[in-house]
């Protein structure tokens, strides 16, 4: 079945850029949730994504059947993933909505597809529903600071793309999501010294 975004390409208001940036920064630090105006969109739930759950997410773990969980590769014991079904859908998705929404994983609470237009990059080509949705977002720039903040994120994304050798190998983004997050975290840093992986926390 075609995703709604494939037939509706109308622009979506993403909000004032600087205000959004404050919110996404907090979410990336684990200090809040992303307030995404999804309006019924389930692109991120239907795009063959693994969902990471950390050991301290006891409420989430209590609401996800254990048979749907498996150890997260290269992470300490207790970190697990939820996979997806043969259609690429999260198994917690039922009748077009999250069946554990009030108990959903932190990964889902912080996910925000507006990071792609914020960084001026496309979502990965194997995530067409997410890419389609992301292309529709339009940020507002009511002040010079909004424009300056947006330009800084786009410039950081370009620096990462143009000079990957300046990043430690383990810090280089493996996909578009990591690339966009790196740009948000590393904005305003000159390309020769970009080391976003050391800025976590």
N, C-alpha and C. Protein backbone atom coordinates (compact mmCIF):
# COMPACT_ATOMS: atom_id res chain seq x y z
N UNK A 1 0.85 -1.20 0.00
CA UNK A 1 0.00 0.00 0.00
C UNK A 1 0.88 1.24 0.00
N UNK A 2 0.57 2.22 -0.80
CA UNK A 2 1.37 3.44 -0.89
C UNK A 2 1.25 4.24 0.39
N UNK A 3 2.38 4.82 0.81
CA UNK A 3 2.36 5.68 1.97
C UNK A 3 1.69 6.99 1.61
N UNK A 4 1.00 7.58 2.59
CA UNK A 4 0.25 8.80 2.32
C UNK A 4 1.11 9.90 1.74
N UNK A 5 2.38 9.99 2.18
CA UNK A 5 3.25 11.06 1.69
C UNK A 5 3.58 10.93 0.22
N UNK A 6 3.43 9.71 -0.33
CA UNK A 6 3.74 9.52 -1.74
C UNK A 6 2.70 10.16 -2.64
N UNK A 7 1.52 10.44 -2.10
CA UNK A 7 0.48 11.06 -2.90
C UNK A 7 0.16 12.47 -2.44
N UNK A 8 0.63 12.85 -1.25
CA UNK A 8 0.41 14.18 -0.74
C UNK A 8 1.76 14.84 -0.50
N UNK A 9 2.17 15.69 -1.40
CA UNK A 9 3.47 16.34 -1.28
C UNK A 9 3.37 17.75 -0.76
N UNK A 10 2.25 18.12 -0.16
CA UNK A 10 2.10 19.49 0.32
C UNK A 10 3.07 19.78 1.45
N UNK A 11 3.56 21.04 1.53
CA UNK A 11 4.52 21.41 2.58
C UNK A 11 3.92 21.27 3.98
N UNK A 12 4.78 20.99 4.94
CA UNK A 12 4.40 20.87 6.34
C UNK A 12 5.19 21.88 7.16
N UNK A 13 4.54 22.57 8.06
CA UNK A 13 5.22 23.55 8.91
C UNK A 13 6.07 22.83 9.94
N UNK A 14 7.38 23.06 9.89
CA UNK A 14 8.31 22.41 10.82
C UNK A 14 8.55 23.23 12.07
N UNK A 15 8.09 24.48 12.09
CA UNK A 15 8.29 25.34 13.24
C UNK A 15 9.44 26.31 13.03
N UNK A 16 9.61 27.23 13.99
CA UNK A 16 10.73 28.18 13.94
C UNK A 16 12.02 27.42 14.20
N UNK A 17 13.02 27.65 13.37
CA UNK A 17 14.22 26.81 13.42
C UNK A 17 14.93 26.85 14.76
N UNK A 18 15.19 28.02 15.29
CA UNK A 18 15.96 28.10 16.54
C UNK A 18 15.24 27.44 17.71
N UNK A 19 13.93 27.61 17.77
CA UNK A 19 13.16 26.96 18.83
C UNK A 19 13.22 25.44 18.67
N UNK A 20 13.10 24.97 17.43
CA UNK A 20 13.21 23.53 17.18
C UNK A 20 14.58 23.03 17.59
N UNK A 21 15.63 23.80 17.29
CA UNK A 21 17.00 23.38 17.60
C UNK A 21 17.21 23.21 19.09
N UNK A 22 16.64 24.11 19.89
CA UNK A 22 16.74 23.97 21.35
C UNK A 22 16.11 22.66 21.79
N UNK A 23 14.95 22.35 21.22
CA UNK A 23 14.26 21.12 21.59
C UNK A 23 15.01 19.87 21.18
N UNK A 24 15.53 19.85 19.95
CA UNK A 24 16.23 18.65 19.49
C UNK A 24 17.54 18.47 20.23
N UNK A 25 18.21 19.57 20.58
CA UNK A 25 19.42 19.48 21.40
C UNK A 25 19.12 18.80 22.72
N UNK A 26 18.03 19.21 23.36
CA UNK A 26 17.64 18.63 24.65
C UNK A 26 17.32 17.14 24.49
N UNK A 27 16.60 16.80 23.42
CA UNK A 27 16.26 15.39 23.18
C UNK A 27 17.51 14.55 22.96
N UNK A 28 18.47 15.07 22.21
CA UNK A 28 19.70 14.33 21.94
C UNK A 28 20.54 14.15 23.20
N UNK A 29 20.39 15.07 24.15
CA UNK A 29 21.10 14.95 25.43
C UNK A 29 20.34 14.06 26.41
N UNK A 30 19.17 13.59 26.01
CA UNK A 30 18.37 12.76 26.89
C UNK A 30 17.60 13.55 27.92
N UNK A 31 17.37 14.83 27.63
CA UNK A 31 16.70 15.71 28.60
C UNK A 31 15.27 16.05 28.20
N UNK A 32 14.74 15.36 27.23
CA UNK A 32 13.37 15.64 26.81
C UNK A 32 13.00 14.76 25.64
N UNK A 33 11.84 15.03 25.08
CA UNK A 33 11.35 14.28 23.92
C UNK A 33 11.19 15.22 22.74
N UNK A 34 11.23 14.67 21.54
CA UNK A 34 10.96 15.46 20.35
C UNK A 34 9.46 15.65 20.21
N UNK A 35 9.06 16.88 19.99
CA UNK A 35 7.64 17.18 19.84
C UNK A 35 7.34 17.29 18.34
N UNK A 36 7.18 16.13 17.71
CA UNK A 36 7.00 16.09 16.26
C UNK A 36 5.51 16.10 15.92
N UNK A 37 5.07 17.02 15.07
CA UNK A 37 3.66 17.03 14.65
C UNK A 37 3.41 15.95 13.59
N UNK A 38 3.40 14.70 14.03
CA UNK A 38 3.31 13.57 13.09
C UNK A 38 1.98 13.55 12.34
N UNK A 39 0.89 13.91 13.02
CA UNK A 39 -0.43 13.97 12.40
C UNK A 39 -0.78 12.67 11.69
N UNK A 40 -0.55 11.56 12.37
CA UNK A 40 -0.91 10.27 11.82
C UNK A 40 0.15 9.59 10.96
N UNK A 41 1.25 10.26 10.69
CA UNK A 41 2.32 9.66 9.88
C UNK A 41 2.99 8.54 10.67
N UNK A 42 3.23 7.41 10.00
CA UNK A 42 3.92 6.29 10.63
C UNK A 42 5.14 5.86 9.81
N UNK A 43 5.71 6.81 9.07
CA UNK A 43 6.85 6.48 8.21
C UNK A 43 7.98 5.83 8.98
N UNK A 44 8.31 6.37 10.16
CA UNK A 44 9.43 5.81 10.91
C UNK A 44 9.09 4.44 11.49
N UNK A 45 7.81 4.13 11.62
CA UNK A 45 7.38 2.84 12.17
C UNK A 45 7.26 1.76 11.10
N UNK A 46 7.36 2.16 9.84
CA UNK A 46 7.12 1.22 8.73
C UNK A 46 8.28 1.20 7.76
N UNK A 47 9.48 1.54 8.25
CA UNK A 47 10.64 1.66 7.36
C UNK A 47 11.77 0.71 7.72
N UNK A 48 11.43 -0.49 8.19
CA UNK A 48 12.42 -1.54 8.46
C UNK A 48 13.55 -1.05 9.36
N UNK A 49 13.16 -0.43 10.47
CA UNK A 49 14.16 0.09 11.40
C UNK A 49 14.20 -0.75 12.67
N UNK A 50 15.41 -0.96 13.16
CA UNK A 50 15.59 -1.58 14.46
C UNK A 50 15.46 -0.50 15.53
N UNK A 51 14.77 -0.81 16.61
CA UNK A 51 14.56 0.15 17.68
C UNK A 51 15.35 -0.29 18.91
N UNK A 52 16.27 0.58 19.34
CA UNK A 52 17.13 0.30 20.48
C UNK A 52 16.40 0.61 21.79
N UNK A 53 16.50 -0.30 22.74
CA UNK A 53 15.95 -0.08 24.08
C UNK A 53 17.09 -0.29 25.08
N UNK A 54 17.29 0.70 25.94
CA UNK A 54 18.37 0.63 26.93
C UNK A 54 17.89 -0.08 28.20
N UNK A 55 18.84 -0.58 29.00
CA UNK A 55 18.47 -1.36 30.18
C UNK A 55 17.62 -0.61 31.20
N UNK A 56 17.78 0.72 31.27
CA UNK A 56 17.03 1.48 32.27
C UNK A 56 15.58 1.76 31.86
N UNK A 57 15.20 1.35 30.64
CA UNK A 57 13.84 1.60 30.16
C UNK A 57 12.91 0.47 30.61
N UNK A 58 12.77 0.37 31.91
CA UNK A 58 12.03 -0.75 32.48
C UNK A 58 10.54 -0.72 32.12
N UNK A 59 9.97 0.46 32.03
CA UNK A 59 8.55 0.55 31.68
C UNK A 59 8.32 0.04 30.26
N UNK A 60 9.18 0.46 29.33
CA UNK A 60 9.06 -0.02 27.96
C UNK A 60 9.25 -1.53 27.90
N UNK A 61 10.28 -2.02 28.56
CA UNK A 61 10.58 -3.45 28.53
C UNK A 61 9.42 -4.29 29.09
N UNK A 62 8.69 -3.71 30.02
CA UNK A 62 7.55 -4.43 30.61
C UNK A 62 6.38 -4.52 29.64
N UNK A 63 6.39 -3.69 28.59
CA UNK A 63 5.26 -3.66 27.65
C UNK A 63 5.59 -4.23 26.27
N UNK A 64 6.81 -4.72 26.10
CA UNK A 64 7.19 -5.34 24.83
C UNK A 64 7.41 -6.83 25.08
N UNK A 65 6.72 -7.69 24.36
CA UNK A 65 6.92 -9.14 24.56
C UNK A 65 8.39 -9.52 24.39
N UNK A 66 8.89 -10.30 25.32
CA UNK A 66 10.32 -10.65 25.32
C UNK A 66 10.75 -11.36 24.05
N UNK A 67 9.81 -12.10 23.42
CA UNK A 67 10.18 -12.82 22.21
C UNK A 67 10.46 -11.90 21.02
N UNK A 68 10.10 -10.62 21.16
CA UNK A 68 10.37 -9.65 20.09
C UNK A 68 11.70 -8.94 20.26
N UNK A 69 12.39 -9.23 21.35
CA UNK A 69 13.64 -8.54 21.67
C UNK A 69 14.84 -9.44 21.43
N UNK A 70 15.95 -8.83 21.01
CA UNK A 70 17.20 -9.58 20.88
C UNK A 70 18.36 -8.66 21.23
N UNK A 71 19.49 -9.23 21.66
CA UNK A 71 20.62 -8.40 22.10
C UNK A 71 21.11 -7.45 21.00
N UNK A 72 21.44 -6.22 21.42
CA UNK A 72 21.95 -5.24 20.47
C UNK A 72 23.43 -5.52 20.22
N UNK A 73 23.82 -5.72 18.97
CA UNK A 73 25.23 -6.01 18.66
C UNK A 73 26.16 -4.90 19.14
N UNK A 74 27.31 -5.31 19.66
CA UNK A 74 28.39 -4.39 20.06
C UNK A 74 28.02 -3.46 21.21
N UNK A 75 26.94 -3.76 21.91
CA UNK A 75 26.56 -2.97 23.09
C UNK A 75 26.56 -3.87 24.32
N UNK A 76 26.69 -3.29 25.50
CA UNK A 76 26.73 -4.11 26.72
C UNK A 76 25.46 -4.94 26.91
N UNK A 77 25.60 -5.97 27.71
CA UNK A 77 24.46 -6.83 28.04
C UNK A 77 23.34 -5.98 28.62
N UNK A 78 22.11 -6.25 28.18
CA UNK A 78 20.96 -5.51 28.65
C UNK A 78 20.40 -4.56 27.61
N UNK A 79 21.25 -4.18 26.65
CA UNK A 79 20.78 -3.35 25.54
C UNK A 79 20.15 -4.28 24.50
N UNK A 80 18.93 -3.98 24.10
CA UNK A 80 18.22 -4.86 23.18
C UNK A 80 17.62 -4.07 22.03
N UNK A 81 17.18 -4.80 21.02
CA UNK A 81 16.53 -4.21 19.85
C UNK A 81 15.18 -4.87 19.62
N UNK A 82 14.25 -4.06 19.08
CA UNK A 82 13.02 -4.59 18.51
C UNK A 82 13.24 -4.62 17.01
N UNK A 83 12.92 -5.73 16.38
CA UNK A 83 13.08 -5.82 14.94
C UNK A 83 11.84 -5.33 14.21
N UNK A 84 11.58 -5.90 13.04
CA UNK A 84 10.42 -5.51 12.25
C UNK A 84 9.90 -6.74 11.51
N UNK A 85 8.65 -6.65 11.07
CA UNK A 85 8.04 -7.81 10.42
C UNK A 85 8.40 -7.88 8.94
N UNK A 86 7.78 -8.83 8.24
CA UNK A 86 8.12 -9.04 6.82
C UNK A 86 7.76 -7.85 5.94
N UNK A 87 6.93 -6.96 6.45
CA UNK A 87 6.58 -5.75 5.70
C UNK A 87 7.41 -4.55 6.10
N UNK A 88 8.36 -4.77 7.02
CA UNK A 88 9.19 -3.67 7.49
C UNK A 88 8.54 -2.85 8.58
N UNK A 89 7.45 -3.36 9.16
CA UNK A 89 6.71 -2.63 10.18
C UNK A 89 7.15 -3.03 11.58
N UNK A 90 7.19 -2.06 12.48
CA UNK A 90 7.43 -2.36 13.88
C UNK A 90 6.31 -3.26 14.38
N UNK A 91 6.63 -4.33 15.12
CA UNK A 91 5.58 -5.23 15.59
C UNK A 91 4.66 -4.59 16.63
N UNK A 92 5.05 -3.44 17.15
CA UNK A 92 4.20 -2.73 18.11
C UNK A 92 3.17 -1.85 17.40
N UNK A 93 3.24 -1.76 16.08
CA UNK A 93 2.28 -0.98 15.30
C UNK A 93 1.04 -1.83 15.06
N UNK A 94 -0.12 -1.31 15.44
CA UNK A 94 -1.38 -2.04 15.27
C UNK A 94 -2.45 -1.07 14.80
N UNK A 95 -3.12 -1.44 13.73
CA UNK A 95 -4.20 -0.60 13.18
C UNK A 95 -3.71 0.83 12.90
N UNK A 96 -2.48 0.93 12.40
CA UNK A 96 -1.95 2.23 12.01
C UNK A 96 -1.48 3.13 13.13
N UNK A 97 -1.34 2.57 14.34
CA UNK A 97 -0.89 3.38 15.48
C UNK A 97 -0.04 2.53 16.42
N UNK A 98 0.77 3.20 17.21
CA UNK A 98 1.62 2.50 18.17
C UNK A 98 0.76 1.94 19.30
N UNK A 99 0.87 0.64 19.53
CA UNK A 99 0.06 -0.01 20.56
C UNK A 99 0.61 0.21 21.96
N UNK A 100 1.84 0.73 22.06
CA UNK A 100 2.43 1.01 23.38
C UNK A 100 2.88 2.47 23.45
N UNK A 101 2.14 3.35 22.81
CA UNK A 101 2.58 4.74 22.66
C UNK A 101 2.99 5.37 23.99
N UNK A 102 2.21 5.20 25.02
CA UNK A 102 2.55 5.81 26.32
C UNK A 102 3.76 5.15 26.97
N UNK A 103 4.18 4.02 26.45
CA UNK A 103 5.30 3.28 27.02
C UNK A 103 6.41 3.07 25.97
N UNK A 104 6.37 3.82 24.89
CA UNK A 104 7.29 3.60 23.77
C UNK A 104 8.75 3.85 24.15
N UNK A 105 9.68 3.24 23.42
CA UNK A 105 11.10 3.39 23.72
C UNK A 105 11.59 4.84 23.60
N UNK A 106 12.68 5.11 24.30
CA UNK A 106 13.31 6.43 24.24
C UNK A 106 13.71 6.77 22.80
N UNK A 107 14.16 5.77 22.06
CA UNK A 107 14.54 6.00 20.66
C UNK A 107 13.38 6.60 19.88
N UNK A 108 12.19 6.09 20.11
CA UNK A 108 11.00 6.59 19.41
C UNK A 108 10.62 7.99 19.91
N UNK A 109 10.81 8.21 21.19
CA UNK A 109 10.45 9.51 21.79
C UNK A 109 11.33 10.64 21.28
N UNK A 110 12.54 10.31 20.90
CA UNK A 110 13.48 11.35 20.46
C UNK A 110 13.62 11.44 18.94
N UNK A 111 13.07 10.47 18.22
CA UNK A 111 13.23 10.47 16.76
C UNK A 111 12.47 11.65 16.15
N UNK A 112 13.12 12.32 15.20
CA UNK A 112 12.52 13.49 14.55
C UNK A 112 13.04 13.59 13.12
N UNK A 113 12.19 13.31 12.15
CA UNK A 113 12.65 13.32 10.75
C UNK A 113 12.94 14.72 10.24
N UNK A 114 12.66 15.74 11.05
CA UNK A 114 13.02 17.11 10.64
C UNK A 114 14.53 17.34 10.67
N UNK A 115 15.29 16.39 11.24
CA UNK A 115 16.74 16.54 11.24
C UNK A 115 17.31 16.56 9.83
N UNK A 116 16.62 15.91 8.88
CA UNK A 116 17.15 15.85 7.52
C UNK A 116 17.07 17.20 6.81
N UNK A 117 15.91 17.86 6.76
CA UNK A 117 15.91 19.19 6.16
C UNK A 117 16.71 20.19 6.99
N UNK A 118 16.81 19.97 8.30
CA UNK A 118 17.61 20.87 9.13
C UNK A 118 19.07 20.85 8.69
N UNK A 119 19.55 19.66 8.32
CA UNK A 119 20.94 19.51 7.91
C UNK A 119 21.14 19.65 6.40
N UNK A 120 20.03 19.78 5.67
CA UNK A 120 20.14 19.91 4.22
C UNK A 120 20.55 18.64 3.53
N UNK A 121 20.18 17.49 4.10
CA UNK A 121 20.52 16.22 3.48
C UNK A 121 19.27 15.37 3.32
N UNK A 122 19.37 14.38 2.44
CA UNK A 122 18.26 13.45 2.19
C UNK A 122 18.34 12.28 3.16
N UNK A 123 17.19 11.78 3.56
CA UNK A 123 17.16 10.53 4.32
C UNK A 123 17.68 9.41 3.42
N UNK A 124 18.09 8.31 4.01
CA UNK A 124 18.63 7.20 3.23
C UNK A 124 17.62 6.71 2.21
N UNK A 125 18.13 6.32 1.04
CA UNK A 125 17.26 5.92 -0.07
C UNK A 125 16.46 4.65 0.24
N UNK A 126 16.93 3.83 1.20
CA UNK A 126 16.18 2.63 1.56
C UNK A 126 15.10 2.93 2.60
N UNK A 127 14.87 4.22 2.87
CA UNK A 127 13.80 4.66 3.76
C UNK A 127 12.92 5.66 3.00
N UNK A 128 12.29 5.21 1.91
CA UNK A 128 11.56 6.15 1.05
C UNK A 128 10.42 6.89 1.74
N UNK A 129 9.72 6.23 2.65
CA UNK A 129 8.60 6.90 3.33
C UNK A 129 9.12 8.03 4.21
N UNK A 130 10.24 7.79 4.91
CA UNK A 130 10.83 8.83 5.74
C UNK A 130 11.36 9.96 4.86
N UNK A 131 12.02 9.60 3.76
CA UNK A 131 12.56 10.62 2.86
C UNK A 131 11.45 11.49 2.30
N UNK A 132 10.33 10.87 1.94
CA UNK A 132 9.20 11.61 1.39
C UNK A 132 8.63 12.58 2.41
N UNK A 133 8.46 12.11 3.63
CA UNK A 133 7.95 12.97 4.70
C UNK A 133 8.92 14.12 4.99
N UNK A 134 10.21 13.80 5.07
CA UNK A 134 11.21 14.80 5.41
C UNK A 134 11.27 15.92 4.38
N UNK A 135 11.07 15.58 3.11
CA UNK A 135 11.12 16.60 2.05
C UNK A 135 10.00 17.63 2.20
N UNK A 136 8.95 17.29 2.89
CA UNK A 136 7.80 18.20 3.00
C UNK A 136 7.97 19.26 4.09
N UNK A 137 8.87 19.02 5.04
CA UNK A 137 9.03 19.97 6.14
C UNK A 137 9.59 21.30 5.66
N UNK A 138 9.05 22.38 6.19
CA UNK A 138 9.55 23.72 5.89
C UNK A 138 9.72 24.48 7.20
N UNK A 139 10.96 24.82 7.54
CA UNK A 139 11.23 25.60 8.75
C UNK A 139 10.96 27.07 8.49
N UNK A 140 10.56 27.76 9.54
CA UNK A 140 10.38 29.21 9.49
C UNK A 140 11.63 29.87 10.09
N UNK A 141 11.94 31.07 9.58
CA UNK A 141 13.12 31.80 10.05
C UNK A 141 12.70 33.23 10.37
N UNK A 142 11.96 33.41 11.48
CA UNK A 142 11.42 34.73 11.80
C UNK A 142 12.46 35.73 12.27
N UNK A 143 13.66 35.26 12.61
CA UNK A 143 14.70 36.18 13.08
C UNK A 143 16.02 35.84 12.41
N UNK A 144 16.98 36.77 12.41
CA UNK A 144 18.31 36.47 11.86
C UNK A 144 18.96 35.27 12.56
N UNK A 145 18.66 35.08 13.85
CA UNK A 145 19.24 33.96 14.57
C UNK A 145 18.75 32.63 14.02
N UNK A 146 17.48 32.56 13.65
CA UNK A 146 16.95 31.33 13.05
C UNK A 146 17.74 30.98 11.79
N UNK A 147 17.96 31.98 10.94
CA UNK A 147 18.70 31.73 9.70
C UNK A 147 20.15 31.36 9.99
N UNK A 148 20.77 32.05 10.94
CA UNK A 148 22.16 31.75 11.27
C UNK A 148 22.31 30.34 11.83
N UNK A 149 21.37 29.95 12.70
CA UNK A 149 21.42 28.60 13.26
C UNK A 149 21.25 27.54 12.18
N UNK A 150 20.31 27.78 11.27
CA UNK A 150 20.07 26.81 10.20
C UNK A 150 21.30 26.72 9.29
N UNK A 151 21.86 27.85 8.93
CA UNK A 151 23.06 27.85 8.08
C UNK A 151 24.21 27.11 8.74
N UNK A 152 24.32 27.24 10.07
CA UNK A 152 25.41 26.58 10.79
C UNK A 152 25.26 25.06 10.74
N UNK A 153 24.03 24.57 10.87
CA UNK A 153 23.81 23.12 10.82
C UNK A 153 24.09 22.59 9.41
N UNK A 154 23.61 23.30 8.40
CA UNK A 154 23.86 22.89 7.02
C UNK A 154 25.36 22.89 6.72
N UNK A 155 26.07 23.91 7.20
CA UNK A 155 27.51 24.00 6.97
C UNK A 155 28.24 22.84 7.66
N UNK A 156 27.80 22.49 8.86
CA UNK A 156 28.42 21.37 9.57
C UNK A 156 28.19 20.06 8.83
N UNK A 157 26.99 19.88 8.28
CA UNK A 157 26.70 18.67 7.51
C UNK A 157 27.58 18.60 6.27
N UNK A 158 27.77 19.74 5.61
CA UNK A 158 28.62 19.78 4.43
C UNK A 158 30.07 19.46 4.79
N UNK A 159 30.53 19.97 5.94
CA UNK A 159 31.90 19.71 6.37
C UNK A 159 32.12 18.23 6.63
N UNK A 160 31.14 17.59 7.25
CA UNK A 160 31.24 16.15 7.51
C UNK A 160 31.31 15.37 6.20
N UNK A 161 30.47 15.77 5.22
CA UNK A 161 30.44 15.08 3.93
C UNK A 161 31.73 15.30 3.14
N UNK A 162 32.28 16.50 3.21
CA UNK A 162 33.45 16.85 2.41
C UNK A 162 34.77 16.42 3.04
N UNK A 163 34.78 16.28 4.36
CA UNK A 163 36.04 15.97 5.04
C UNK A 163 35.87 14.84 6.06
N UNK A 164 35.39 13.68 5.63
CA UNK A 164 35.20 12.57 6.59
C UNK A 164 36.51 12.14 7.23
N UNK A 165 37.62 12.36 6.53
CA UNK A 165 38.93 11.94 7.06
C UNK A 165 39.32 12.71 8.32
N UNK A 166 38.65 13.83 8.57
CA UNK A 166 38.96 14.63 9.75
C UNK A 166 38.26 14.12 11.01
N UNK A 167 37.40 13.14 10.82
CA UNK A 167 36.72 12.51 11.95
C UNK A 167 37.43 11.21 12.30
N UNK A 168 37.46 10.90 13.59
CA UNK A 168 37.96 9.59 13.98
C UNK A 168 37.10 8.54 13.27
N UNK A 169 37.72 7.43 12.87
CA UNK A 169 37.01 6.44 12.07
C UNK A 169 35.71 5.98 12.73
N UNK A 170 35.75 5.78 14.05
CA UNK A 170 34.56 5.30 14.75
C UNK A 170 33.48 6.37 14.86
N UNK A 171 33.84 7.64 14.57
CA UNK A 171 32.88 8.74 14.67
C UNK A 171 32.23 9.07 13.33
N UNK A 172 32.71 8.47 12.24
CA UNK A 172 32.15 8.77 10.93
C UNK A 172 30.74 8.21 10.79
N UNK A 173 29.82 9.01 10.29
CA UNK A 173 28.42 8.55 10.20
C UNK A 173 28.26 7.39 9.23
N UNK A 174 27.47 6.41 9.65
CA UNK A 174 27.22 5.23 8.81
C UNK A 174 25.96 5.37 7.98
N UNK A 175 25.15 6.40 8.29
CA UNK A 175 23.91 6.59 7.56
C UNK A 175 23.50 8.05 7.66
N UNK A 176 22.42 8.40 6.99
CA UNK A 176 21.97 9.80 6.94
C UNK A 176 21.53 10.31 8.31
N UNK A 177 20.91 9.45 9.10
CA UNK A 177 20.48 9.88 10.43
C UNK A 177 21.68 10.29 11.28
N UNK A 178 22.72 9.45 11.31
CA UNK A 178 23.93 9.78 12.07
C UNK A 178 24.58 11.04 11.53
N UNK A 179 24.56 11.21 10.21
CA UNK A 179 25.14 12.39 9.57
C UNK A 179 24.42 13.66 10.04
N UNK A 180 23.10 13.63 10.04
CA UNK A 180 22.32 14.80 10.44
C UNK A 180 22.52 15.11 11.92
N UNK A 181 22.53 14.07 12.76
CA UNK A 181 22.73 14.29 14.19
C UNK A 181 24.12 14.87 14.46
N UNK A 182 25.10 14.37 13.74
CA UNK A 182 26.47 14.88 13.88
C UNK A 182 26.53 16.36 13.52
N UNK A 183 25.81 16.74 12.48
CA UNK A 183 25.79 18.15 12.06
C UNK A 183 25.13 19.03 13.13
N UNK A 184 24.05 18.53 13.72
CA UNK A 184 23.37 19.31 14.76
C UNK A 184 24.27 19.47 15.98
N UNK A 185 24.95 18.40 16.36
CA UNK A 185 25.84 18.46 17.52
C UNK A 185 27.10 19.28 17.22
N UNK A 186 27.57 19.23 15.99
CA UNK A 186 28.85 19.86 15.67
C UNK A 186 28.76 21.19 14.97
N UNK A 187 27.57 21.79 14.91
CA UNK A 187 27.39 23.05 14.20
C UNK A 187 28.30 24.13 14.78
N UNK A 188 28.81 24.98 13.90
CA UNK A 188 29.65 26.07 14.33
C UNK A 188 31.10 25.68 14.54
N UNK A 189 31.41 24.38 14.35
CA UNK A 189 32.78 23.93 14.50
C UNK A 189 33.45 23.94 13.13
N UNK A 190 34.61 24.54 13.04
CA UNK A 190 35.32 24.59 11.77
C UNK A 190 35.70 23.18 11.33
N UNK A 191 35.64 22.94 10.04
CA UNK A 191 35.88 21.60 9.50
C UNK A 191 37.15 20.93 9.99
N UNK A 192 38.33 21.62 10.03
CA UNK A 192 39.56 20.93 10.44
C UNK A 192 39.52 20.39 11.86
N UNK A 193 38.61 20.87 12.71
CA UNK A 193 38.61 20.40 14.08
C UNK A 193 37.32 19.71 14.48
N UNK A 194 36.50 19.32 13.48
CA UNK A 194 35.23 18.66 13.81
C UNK A 194 35.53 17.31 14.47
N UNK A 195 35.13 17.16 15.72
CA UNK A 195 35.26 15.89 16.43
C UNK A 195 33.99 15.67 17.24
N UNK A 196 32.83 15.67 16.60
CA UNK A 196 31.56 15.60 17.33
C UNK A 196 31.45 14.43 18.29
N UNK A 197 32.10 13.31 17.99
CA UNK A 197 31.94 12.15 18.85
C UNK A 197 32.43 12.43 20.26
N UNK A 198 33.30 13.40 20.41
CA UNK A 198 33.83 13.72 21.73
C UNK A 198 32.98 14.75 22.46
N UNK A 199 31.89 15.16 21.83
CA UNK A 199 31.04 16.18 22.43
C UNK A 199 29.82 15.59 23.12
N UNK A 200 29.73 14.27 23.14
CA UNK A 200 28.54 13.65 23.72
C UNK A 200 28.50 13.90 25.21
N UNK A 201 27.28 13.95 25.73
CA UNK A 201 27.11 14.07 27.16
C UNK A 201 26.73 15.45 27.59
